[in-house]
Amino acid sequence: MITNISIVNVFVIDQDEARQFYTEVLGFLPRDDVTLAPGYRWCTVAHPNQPELLVSLTIPGPPLTPELIQEMKRAQLAGGMSGLGFNVDDCQRTYEDLTSKGVEFVQPPTARSYGVEAVCRDNSGNWMVLIQLAQQ
């Protein structure tokens, strides 16, 4: 029986820069950072409120085909890769905090039927959604 989600992958351009962004800008904790095989680095971070969920910062590579790797890299450079969605307690305040740290927002906090949502990108161009859920 599956009991929970333990690892999610976020495809990044540079693992060192991504690790720095996720830890220093977003407040995640550094976790694993090891080379498991030539050319394969296992680099993970976790949010302090959800330490059991590892975010693997992964560079597109084998076992993906060379054609798929190239397509993924093109999508990254175009800002077309999806990333993570985050619950936030105050979307406006989080938007202001992250903007002051240089995070690029493609949508400022906007009221939706389910709450307030803002959309930004990480430093590899991945979309990240911040959601402040409406009070029930």
C-alpha atoms as a PDB file:
ATOM      1  CA  MET A   1       0.000   0.000   0.000  1.00  0.00           C
ATOM      2  CA  ILE A   2       1.288   3.492  -0.852  1.00  0.00           C
ATOM      3  CA  THR A   3       1.418   5.602   2.299  1.00  0.00           C
ATOM      4  CA  ASN A   4       2.627   8.995   1.012  1.00  0.00           C
ATOM      5  CA  ILE A   5       4.699  10.864  -1.568  1.00  0.00           C
ATOM      6  CA  SER A   6       8.362  10.916  -0.584  1.00  0.00           C
ATOM      7  CA  ILE A   7      10.247  12.405  -3.571  1.00  0.00           C
ATOM      8  CA  VAL A   8       9.387  14.888  -6.304  1.00  0.00           C
ATOM      9  CA  ASN A   9      11.732  15.898  -9.119  1.00  0.00           C
ATOM     10  CA  VAL A  10      12.306  19.445 -10.251  1.00  0.00           C
ATOM     11  CA  PHE A  11      14.430  19.681 -13.394  1.00  0.00           C
ATOM     12  CA  VAL A  12      17.032  22.415 -13.036  1.00  0.00           C
ATOM     13  CA  ILE A  13      19.760  23.942 -15.156  1.00  0.00           C
ATOM     14  CA  ASP A  14      22.481  24.067 -12.474  1.00  0.00           C
ATOM     15  CA  GLN A  15      22.229  22.027  -9.272  1.00  0.00           C
ATOM     16  CA  ASP A  16      24.473  24.299  -7.208  1.00  0.00           C
ATOM     17  CA  GLU A  17      22.516  27.416  -8.162  1.00  0.00           C
ATOM     18  CA  ALA A  18      19.177  25.622  -7.678  1.00  0.00           C
ATOM     19  CA  ARG A  19      20.218  24.326  -4.257  1.00  0.00           C
ATOM     20  CA  GLN A  20      21.232  27.850  -3.241  1.00  0.00           C
ATOM     21  CA  PHE A  21      17.910  29.279  -4.517  1.00  0.00           C
ATOM     22  CA  TYR A  22      15.762  26.682  -2.751  1.00  0.00           C
ATOM     23  CA  THR A  23      17.654  26.998   0.539  1.00  0.00           C
ATOM     24  CA  GLU A  24      18.592  30.685   0.714  1.00  0.00           C
ATOM     25  CA  VAL A  25      15.616  32.248  -1.097  1.00  0.00           C
ATOM     26  CA  LEU A  26      12.767  29.815  -0.386  1.00  0.00           C
ATOM     27  CA  GLY A  27      13.947  28.618   3.044  1.00  0.00           C
ATOM     28  CA  PHE A  28      14.240  24.897   2.300  1.00  0.00           C
ATOM     29  CA  LEU A  29      16.751  22.746   4.174  1.00  0.00           C
ATOM     30  CA  PRO A  30      19.681  21.111   2.382  1.00  0.00           C
ATOM     31  CA  ARG A  31      19.469  17.332   2.468  1.00  0.00           C
ATOM     32  CA  ASP A  32      21.400  14.848   0.326  1.00  0.00           C
ATOM     33  CA  ASP A  33      24.177  15.920  -2.006  1.00  0.00           C
ATOM     34  CA  VAL A  34      26.165  12.970  -3.308  1.00  0.00           C
ATOM     35  CA  THR A  35      27.522  11.661  -6.578  1.00  0.00           C
ATOM     36  CA  LEU A  36      25.987   8.227  -7.090  1.00  0.00           C
ATOM     37  CA  ALA A  37      27.589   7.454 -10.455  1.00  0.00           C
ATOM     38  CA  PRO A  38      29.772   9.302 -12.934  1.00  0.00           C
ATOM     39  CA  GLY A  39      27.671  12.226 -14.154  1.00  0.00           C
ATOM     40  CA  TYR A  40      24.792  11.574 -11.724  1.00  0.00           C
ATOM     41  CA  ARG A  41      24.442  13.766  -8.659  1.00  0.00           C
ATOM     42  CA  TRP A  42      21.659  13.171  -6.134  1.00  0.00           C
ATOM     43  CA  CYS A  43      20.891  16.619  -4.744  1.00  0.00           C
ATOM     44  CA  THR A  44      17.832  17.109  -2.542  1.00  0.00           C
ATOM     45  CA  VAL A  45      16.225  19.751  -0.345  1.00  0.00           C
ATOM     46  CA  ALA A  46      13.192  19.651   1.936  1.00  0.00           C
ATOM     47  CA  HIS A  47      10.847  22.205   3.449  1.00  0.00           C
ATOM     48  CA  PRO A  48      11.249  22.482   7.249  1.00  0.00           C
ATOM     49  CA  ASN A  49       7.494  21.891   7.752  1.00  0.00           C
ATOM     50  CA  GLN A  50       7.534  18.809   5.523  1.00  0.00           C
ATOM     51  CA  PRO A  51      10.964  17.181   5.972  1.00  0.00           C
ATOM     52  CA  GLU A  52       9.746  13.772   4.810  1.00  0.00           C
ATOM     53  CA  LEU A  53       9.157  15.084   1.247  1.00  0.00           C
ATOM     54  CA  LEU A  54      12.420  15.345  -0.665  1.00  0.00           C
ATOM     55  CA  VAL A  55      12.661  17.689  -3.641  1.00  0.00           C
ATOM     56  CA  SER A  56      15.244  16.232  -5.996  1.00  0.00           C
ATOM     57  CA  LEU A  57      16.984  18.973  -7.987  1.00  0.00           C
ATOM     58  CA  THR A  58      17.726  17.067 -11.178  1.00  0.00           C
ATOM     59  CA  ILE A  59      19.505  17.967 -14.396  1.00  0.00           C
ATOM     60  CA  PRO A  60      17.905  16.326 -17.450  1.00  0.00           C
ATOM     61  CA  GLY A  61      20.134  13.412 -18.430  1.00  0.00           C
ATOM     62  CA  PRO A  62      20.313   9.645 -18.835  1.00  0.00           C
ATOM     63  CA  PRO A  63      18.343   7.425 -18.840  1.00  0.00           C
ATOM     64  CA  LEU A  64      16.330   9.928 -20.910  1.00  0.00           C
ATOM     65  CA  THR A  65      17.025   9.857 -24.629  1.00  0.00           C
ATOM     66  CA  PRO A  66      19.329  12.550 -26.039  1.00  0.00           C
ATOM     67  CA  GLU A  67      16.363  13.948 -28.004  1.00  0.00           C
ATOM     68  CA  LEU A  68      14.207  14.251 -24.893  1.00  0.00           C
ATOM     69  CA  ILE A  69      17.070  15.824 -22.937  1.00  0.00           C
ATOM     70  CA  GLN A  70      17.464  18.475 -25.643  1.00  0.00           C
ATOM     71  CA  GLU A  71      13.708  19.153 -25.668  1.00  0.00           C
ATOM     72  CA  MET A  72      13.668  19.501 -21.885  1.00  0.00           C
ATOM     73  CA  LYS A  73      16.620  21.896 -21.982  1.00  0.00           C
ATOM     74  CA  ARG A  74      14.849  23.974 -24.643  1.00  0.00           C
ATOM     75  CA  ALA A  75      11.708  24.023 -22.486  1.00  0.00           C
ATOM     76  CA  GLN A  76      13.771  25.093 -19.465  1.00  0.00           C
ATOM     77  CA  LEU A  77      15.367  27.980 -21.359  1.00  0.00           C
ATOM     78  CA  ALA A  78      11.919  29.058 -22.585  1.00  0.00           C
ATOM     79  CA  GLY A  79      10.511  28.922 -19.035  1.00  0.00           C
ATOM     80  CA  GLY A  80       8.115  26.159 -20.003  1.00  0.00           C
ATOM     81  CA  MET A  81       8.706  23.587 -17.265  1.00  0.00           C
ATOM     82  CA  SER A  82       6.335  23.141 -14.359  1.00  0.00           C
ATOM     83  CA  GLY A  83       7.689  23.087 -10.841  1.00  0.00           C
ATOM     84  CA  LEU A  84       6.007  23.054  -7.459  1.00  0.00           C
ATOM     85  CA  GLY A  85       2.899  24.462  -5.824  1.00  0.00           C
ATOM     86  CA  PHE A  86       3.191  25.893  -2.323  1.00  0.00           C
ATOM     87  CA  ASN A  87       0.576  26.669   0.309  1.00  0.00           C
ATOM     88  CA  VAL A  88       1.250  30.034   1.925  1.00  0.00           C
ATOM     89  CA  ASP A  89      -0.371  31.724   4.906  1.00  0.00           C
ATOM     90  CA  ASP A  90      -0.265  35.221   3.363  1.00  0.00           C
ATOM     91  CA  CYS A  91       0.157  35.358  -0.412  1.00  0.00           C
ATOM     92  CA  GLN A  92       0.720  39.126  -0.576  1.00  0.00           C
ATOM     93  CA  ARG A  93       3.399  39.074   2.127  1.00  0.00           C
ATOM     94  CA  THR A  94       5.138  36.064   0.531  1.00  0.00           C
ATOM     95  CA  TYR A  95       4.997  37.796  -2.859  1.00  0.00           C
ATOM     96  CA  GLU A  96       6.617  40.923  -1.382  1.00  0.00           C
ATOM     97  CA  ASP A  97       9.289  38.898   0.432  1.00  0.00           C
ATOM     98  CA  LEU A  98      10.229  36.845  -2.621  1.00  0.00           C
ATOM     99  CA  THR A  99      10.128  39.860  -4.933  1.00  0.00           C
ATOM    100  CA  SER A 100      12.602  41.621  -2.629  1.00  0.00           C
ATOM    101  CA  LYS A 101      14.895  38.594  -3.051  1.00  0.00           C
ATOM    102  CA  GLY A 102      14.781  38.886  -6.847  1.00  0.00           C
ATOM    103  CA  VAL A 103      12.200  36.200  -7.634  1.00  0.00           C
ATOM    104  CA  GLU A 104      10.471  36.801 -10.981  1.00  0.00           C
ATOM    105  CA  PHE A 105       6.674  36.773 -10.768  1.00  0.00           C
ATOM    106  CA  VAL A 106       4.560  36.232 -13.850  1.00  0.00           C
ATOM    107  CA  GLN A 107       1.340  36.817 -11.904  1.00  0.00           C
ATOM    108  CA  PRO A 108       0.994  38.908  -8.751  1.00  0.00           C
ATOM    109  CA  PRO A 109      -1.377  37.783  -5.990  1.00  0.00           C
ATOM    110  CA  THR A 110      -4.793  37.390  -7.580  1.00  0.00           C
ATOM    111  CA  ALA A 111      -8.114  36.477  -5.963  1.00  0.00           C
ATOM    112  CA  ARG A 112      -9.532  33.172  -7.191  1.00  0.00           C
ATOM    113  CA  SER A 113     -12.562  31.156  -6.146  1.00  0.00           C
ATOM    114  CA  TYR A 114     -10.320  28.913  -4.004  1.00  0.00           C
ATOM    115  CA  GLY A 115      -8.196  31.688  -2.460  1.00  0.00           C
ATOM    116  CA  VAL A 116      -5.342  33.961  -3.517  1.00  0.00           C
ATOM    117  CA  GLU A 117      -2.782  32.752  -6.039  1.00  0.00           C
ATOM    118  CA  ALA A 118       0.530  34.112  -7.339  1.00  0.00           C
ATOM    119  CA  VAL A 119       2.786  32.534  -9.956  1.00  0.00           C
ATOM    120  CA  CYS A 120       6.558  32.893 -10.117  1.00  0.00           C
ATOM    121  CA  ARG A 121       9.589  31.086 -11.462  1.00  0.00           C
ATOM    122  CA  ASP A 122      12.570  29.504  -9.771  1.00  0.00           C
ATOM    123  CA  ASN A 123      16.070  30.293 -11.018  1.00  0.00           C
ATOM    124  CA  SER A 124      15.835  27.509 -13.615  1.00  0.00           C
ATOM    125  CA  GLY A 125      12.630  28.962 -15.094  1.00  0.00           C
ATOM    126  CA  ASN A 126      10.264  26.408 -13.519  1.00  0.00           C
ATOM    127  CA  TRP A 127       6.762  27.666 -12.723  1.00  0.00           C
ATOM    128  CA  MET A 128       5.922  27.817  -9.029  1.00  0.00           C
ATOM    129  CA  VAL A 129       2.445  28.541  -7.709  1.00  0.00           C
ATOM    130  CA  LEU A 130       1.808  30.130  -4.316  1.00  0.00           C
ATOM    131  CA  ILE A 131      -1.695  29.534  -2.953  1.00  0.00           C
ATOM    132  CA  GLN A 132      -3.349  31.027   0.093  1.00  0.00           C
ATOM    133  CA  LEU A 133      -6.443  28.889   0.424  1.00  0.00           C
ATOM    134  CA  ALA A 134      -9.743  30.628   1.167  1.00  0.00           C
ATOM    135  CA  GLN A 135     -11.070  30.248   4.682  1.00  0.00           C
ATOM    136  CA  GLN A 136     -13.737  27.554   4.808  1.00  0.00           C
END
